[in-house]
C-alpha atoms as a PDB file:
ATOM      1  CA  UNK A   1     165.529 111.165 159.389  1.00  0.00           C
ATOM      2  CA  UNK A   2     166.433 114.839 159.686  1.00  0.00           C
ATOM      3  CA  UNK A   3     168.231 114.067 162.937  1.00  0.00           C
ATOM      4  CA  UNK A   4     170.523 111.627 161.161  1.00  0.00           C
ATOM      5  CA  UNK A   5     171.249 114.092 158.371  1.00  0.00           C
ATOM      6  CA  UNK A   6     171.997 116.871 160.835  1.00  0.00           C
ATOM      7  CA  UNK A   7     174.188 114.682 163.012  1.00  0.00           C
ATOM      8  CA  UNK A   8     176.270 113.075 160.268  1.00  0.00           C
ATOM      9  CA  UNK A   9     178.636 116.042 159.814  1.00  0.00           C
ATOM     10  CA  UNK A  10     179.118 116.240 163.573  1.00  0.00           C
ATOM     11  CA  UNK A  11     179.734 112.509 163.823  1.00  0.00           C
ATOM     12  CA  UNK A  12     182.168 112.496 160.923  1.00  0.00           C
ATOM     13  CA  UNK A  13     184.247 115.151 162.673  1.00  0.00           C
ATOM     14  CA  UNK A  14     183.989 113.283 165.964  1.00  0.00           C
ATOM     15  CA  UNK A  15     185.666 110.205 164.496  1.00  0.00           C
ATOM     16  CA  UNK A  16     188.963 112.025 164.130  1.00  0.00           C
ATOM     17  CA  UNK A  17     188.496 114.703 166.767  1.00  0.00           C
ATOM     18  CA  UNK A  18     190.885 115.327 169.629  1.00  0.00           C
ATOM     19  CA  UNK A  19     189.684 115.984 173.192  1.00  0.00           C
ATOM     20  CA  UNK A  20     189.425 119.755 172.647  1.00  0.00           C
ATOM     21  CA  UNK A  21     187.558 119.190 169.379  1.00  0.00           C
ATOM     22  CA  UNK A  22     185.072 116.986 171.200  1.00  0.00           C
ATOM     23  CA  UNK A  23     184.373 119.874 173.565  1.00  0.00           C
ATOM     24  CA  UNK A  24     183.474 121.957 170.521  1.00  0.00           C
ATOM     25  CA  UNK A  25     181.186 119.168 169.327  1.00  0.00           C
ATOM     26  CA  UNK A  26     179.533 118.996 172.731  1.00  0.00           C
ATOM     27  CA  UNK A  27     178.922 122.751 172.500  1.00  0.00           C
ATOM     28  CA  UNK A  28     177.338 122.196 169.087  1.00  0.00           C
ATOM     29  CA  UNK A  29     175.095 119.506 170.586  1.00  0.00           C
ATOM     30  CA  UNK A  30     174.131 121.911 173.377  1.00  0.00           C
ATOM     31  CA  UNK A  31     172.877 124.389 170.783  1.00  0.00           C
ATOM     32  CA  UNK A  32     170.319 121.886 169.450  1.00  0.00           C
ATOM     33  CA  UNK A  33     166.866 122.867 170.700  1.00  0.00           C
ATOM     34  CA  UNK A  34     165.021 119.548 170.442  1.00  0.00           C
ATOM     35  CA  UNK A  35     165.654 117.486 173.605  1.00  0.00           C
ATOM     36  CA  UNK A  36     165.538 114.166 171.739  1.00  0.00           C
ATOM     37  CA  UNK A  37     167.933 115.377 169.025  1.00  0.00           C
ATOM     38  CA  UNK A  38     170.239 116.886 171.627  1.00  0.00           C
ATOM     39  CA  UNK A  39     170.311 113.608 173.532  1.00  0.00           C
ATOM     40  CA  UNK A  40     170.999 111.660 170.329  1.00  0.00           C
ATOM     41  CA  UNK A  41     173.864 114.010 169.512  1.00  0.00           C
ATOM     42  CA  UNK A  42     175.523 113.548 172.920  1.00  0.00           C
ATOM     43  CA  UNK A  43     174.967 109.790 172.828  1.00  0.00           C
ATOM     44  CA  UNK A  44     176.608 109.565 169.409  1.00  0.00           C
ATOM     45  CA  UNK A  45     179.659 111.532 170.528  1.00  0.00           C
ATOM     46  CA  UNK A  46     179.977 109.332 173.625  1.00  0.00           C
ATOM     47  CA  UNK A  47     179.723 106.129 171.536  1.00  0.00           C
ATOM     48  CA  UNK A  48     182.389 107.359 169.163  1.00  0.00           C
ATOM     49  CA  UNK A  49     184.642 108.438 172.029  1.00  0.00           C
ATOM     50  CA  UNK A  50     184.426 105.048 173.717  1.00  0.00           C
ATOM     51  CA  UNK A  51     184.905 103.190 170.421  1.00  0.00           C
ATOM     52  CA  UNK A  52     181.736 101.163 170.774  1.00  0.00           C
ATOM     53  CA  UNK A  53     180.717  98.841 167.917  1.00  0.00           C
ATOM     54  CA  UNK A  54     178.004 101.296 166.847  1.00  0.00           C
ATOM     55  CA  UNK A  55     180.629 103.860 165.885  1.00  0.00           C
ATOM     56  CA  UNK A  56     182.112 101.605 163.217  1.00  0.00           C
ATOM     57  CA  UNK A  57     178.714 101.429 161.508  1.00  0.00           C
ATOM     58  CA  UNK A  58     178.693 105.203 161.186  1.00  0.00           C
ATOM     59  CA  UNK A  59     182.265 105.404 159.898  1.00  0.00           C
ATOM     60  CA  UNK A  60     182.076 102.670 157.277  1.00  0.00           C
ATOM     61  CA  UNK A  61     179.333 100.909 155.415  1.00  0.00           C
ATOM     62  CA  UNK A  62     179.705  97.302 154.362  1.00  0.00           C
ATOM     63  CA  UNK A  63     180.491  96.955 150.684  1.00  0.00           C
ATOM     64  CA  UNK A  64     178.464  94.369 148.807  1.00  0.00           C
ATOM     65  CA  UNK A  65     180.156  91.443 147.148  1.00  0.00           C
ATOM     66  CA  UNK A  66     179.566  90.843 143.431  1.00  0.00           C
ATOM     67  CA  UNK A  67     177.254  87.933 144.323  1.00  0.00           C
ATOM     68  CA  UNK A  68     175.198  90.140 146.669  1.00  0.00           C
ATOM     69  CA  UNK A  69     174.902  92.775 143.941  1.00  0.00           C
ATOM     70  CA  UNK A  70     173.810  90.126 141.436  1.00  0.00           C
ATOM     71  CA  UNK A  71     171.144  88.826 143.825  1.00  0.00           C
ATOM     72  CA  UNK A  72     169.904  92.377 144.521  1.00  0.00           C
ATOM     73  CA  UNK A  73     169.629  93.074 140.777  1.00  0.00           C
ATOM     74  CA  UNK A  74     167.796  89.778 140.226  1.00  0.00           C
ATOM     75  CA  UNK A  75     165.328  90.508 143.015  1.00  0.00           C
ATOM     76  CA  UNK A  76     164.706  93.972 141.567  1.00  0.00           C
ATOM     77  CA  UNK A  77     163.901  92.389 138.196  1.00  0.00           C
ATOM     78  CA  UNK A  78     161.538  89.887 139.825  1.00  0.00           C
ATOM     79  CA  UNK A  79     159.801  92.656 141.793  1.00  0.00           C
ATOM     80  CA  UNK A  80     159.132  94.345 138.445  1.00  0.00           C
ATOM     81  CA  UNK A  81     157.065  91.314 137.409  1.00  0.00           C
ATOM     82  CA  UNK A  82     154.873  91.287 140.513  1.00  0.00           C
ATOM     83  CA  UNK A  83     151.489  92.933 141.090  1.00  0.00           C
ATOM     84  CA  UNK A  84     152.650  94.274 144.501  1.00  0.00           C
ATOM     85  CA  UNK A  85     156.464  94.596 144.326  1.00  0.00           C
ATOM     86  CA  UNK A  86     156.860  95.928 147.884  1.00  0.00           C
ATOM     87  CA  UNK A  87     155.286  92.782 149.334  1.00  0.00           C
ATOM     88  CA  UNK A  88     157.886  90.405 147.844  1.00  0.00           C
ATOM     89  CA  UNK A  89     159.469  87.948 150.253  1.00  0.00           C
ATOM     90  CA  UNK A  90     162.445  86.017 148.920  1.00  0.00           C
ATOM     91  CA  UNK A  91     163.824  82.725 150.200  1.00  0.00           C
ATOM     92  CA  UNK A  92     166.139  79.965 149.082  1.00  0.00           C
ATOM     93  CA  UNK A  93     168.122  82.388 146.910  1.00  0.00           C
ATOM     94  CA  UNK A  94     171.280  81.006 145.305  1.00  0.00           C
ATOM     95  CA  UNK A  95     173.512  81.564 142.298  1.00  0.00           C
ATOM     96  CA  UNK A  96     174.192  78.553 140.115  1.00  0.00           C
ATOM     97  CA  UNK A  97     177.936  78.009 139.783  1.00  0.00           C
ATOM     98  CA  UNK A  98     177.465  76.462 136.330  1.00  0.00           C
ATOM     99  CA  UNK A  99     174.958  78.757 134.636  1.00  0.00           C
ATOM    100  CA  UNK A 100     175.317  81.891 136.773  1.00  0.00           C
ATOM    101  CA  UNK A 101     171.514  82.076 137.077  1.00  0.00           C
ATOM    102  CA  UNK A 102     169.963  83.455 140.245  1.00  0.00           C
ATOM    103  CA  UNK A 103     167.349  80.985 141.465  1.00  0.00           C
ATOM    104  CA  UNK A 104     164.997  81.129 144.407  1.00  0.00           C
ATOM    105  CA  UNK A 105     161.474  81.312 145.730  1.00  0.00           C
ATOM    106  CA  UNK A 106     159.297  84.417 145.980  1.00  0.00           C
ATOM    107  CA  UNK A 107     156.014  85.007 147.776  1.00  0.00           C
ATOM    108  CA  UNK A 108     154.018  88.188 147.205  1.00  0.00           C
ATOM    109  CA  UNK A 109     150.548  89.590 147.663  1.00  0.00           C
ATOM    110  CA  UNK A 110     147.958  88.677 145.045  1.00  0.00           C
ATOM    111  CA  UNK A 111     145.018  90.671 143.651  1.00  0.00           C
ATOM    112  CA  UNK A 112     142.939  89.857 146.735  1.00  0.00           C
ATOM    113  CA  UNK A 113     145.552  91.424 149.029  1.00  0.00           C
ATOM    114  CA  UNK A 114     146.665  88.170 150.645  1.00  0.00           C
ATOM    115  CA  UNK A 115     149.929  86.351 150.132  1.00  0.00           C
ATOM    116  CA  UNK A 116     149.849  83.819 147.311  1.00  0.00           C
ATOM    117  CA  UNK A 117     151.625  80.494 147.125  1.00  0.00           C
ATOM    118  CA  UNK A 118     155.424  80.499 146.953  1.00  0.00           C
ATOM    119  CA  UNK A 119     156.695  80.443 143.372  1.00  0.00           C
ATOM    120  CA  UNK A 120     160.090  79.559 141.968  1.00  0.00           C
ATOM    121  CA  UNK A 121     161.944  82.159 139.947  1.00  0.00           C
ATOM    122  CA  UNK A 122     164.964  82.215 137.661  1.00  0.00           C
ATOM    123  CA  UNK A 123     166.922  85.286 136.559  1.00  0.00           C
ATOM    124  CA  UNK A 124     169.670  85.250 133.928  1.00  0.00           C
ATOM    125  CA  UNK A 125     171.216  88.020 131.850  1.00  0.00           C
ATOM    126  CA  UNK A 126     168.650  87.243 129.131  1.00  0.00           C
ATOM    127  CA  UNK A 127     165.424  86.815 131.098  1.00  0.00           C
ATOM    128  CA  UNK A 128     163.613  86.858 134.448  1.00  0.00           C
ATOM    129  CA  UNK A 129     160.790  84.344 135.011  1.00  0.00           C
ATOM    130  CA  UNK A 130     158.442  83.439 137.807  1.00  0.00           C
ATOM    131  CA  UNK A 131     156.685  80.067 137.831  1.00  0.00           C
ATOM    132  CA  UNK A 132     153.261  80.922 136.432  1.00  0.00           C
ATOM    133  CA  UNK A 133     151.704  77.499 136.765  1.00  0.00           C
ATOM    134  CA  UNK A 134     153.087  75.955 133.573  1.00  0.00           C
ATOM    135  CA  UNK A 135     154.930  73.382 135.616  1.00  0.00           C
ATOM    136  CA  UNK A 136     156.604  71.506 132.789  1.00  0.00           C
ATOM    137  CA  UNK A 137     158.212  74.656 131.356  1.00  0.00           C
ATOM    138  CA  UNK A 138     159.522  75.800 134.724  1.00  0.00           C
ATOM    139  CA  UNK A 139     160.690  72.293 135.647  1.00  0.00           C
ATOM    140  CA  UNK A 140     162.715  72.130 132.436  1.00  0.00           C
ATOM    141  CA  UNK A 141     164.297  75.568 132.936  1.00  0.00           C
ATOM    142  CA  UNK A 142     164.908  74.905 136.625  1.00  0.00           C
ATOM    143  CA  UNK A 143     166.708  71.616 135.949  1.00  0.00           C
ATOM    144  CA  UNK A 144     168.698  73.230 133.148  1.00  0.00           C
ATOM    145  CA  UNK A 145     169.760  76.404 134.994  1.00  0.00           C
ATOM    146  CA  UNK A 146     169.361  75.712 138.703  1.00  0.00           C
ATOM    147  CA  UNK A 147     169.826  71.956 138.945  1.00  0.00           C
ATOM    148  CA  UNK A 148     173.310  72.190 140.417  1.00  0.00           C
ATOM    149  CA  UNK A 149     172.237  74.254 143.430  1.00  0.00           C
END
């Protein structure tokens, strides 16, 4: 991680650097003592110089769409309801065009440490719910809020 942090300023300069500036950057890479970090520095400058696809990832990060942000927020709220939030695996995630609810399926580790059965979830501005076994309640909410997906 420290390598990335140390190399970012060098790489940012390299994106707009002229040939003589790149020589200065190469000198800066030469001053790095760690062989692996030095190699990473030179490789990064070479990738940027040749305009490889990797260089665009360094220069710009993909901005999230409003739908992606909404799904991320919904998944964060669902993780907050789980016993082991880091173990959450989401699938079948969609946003209802009618209700705006985020609906999907989540699987997470249970108290025994193994993955439990997949459970449906619904997240709206007002609430976040995971199917807790009361099938009739979840079926009603699902058909009401997620039926058009």
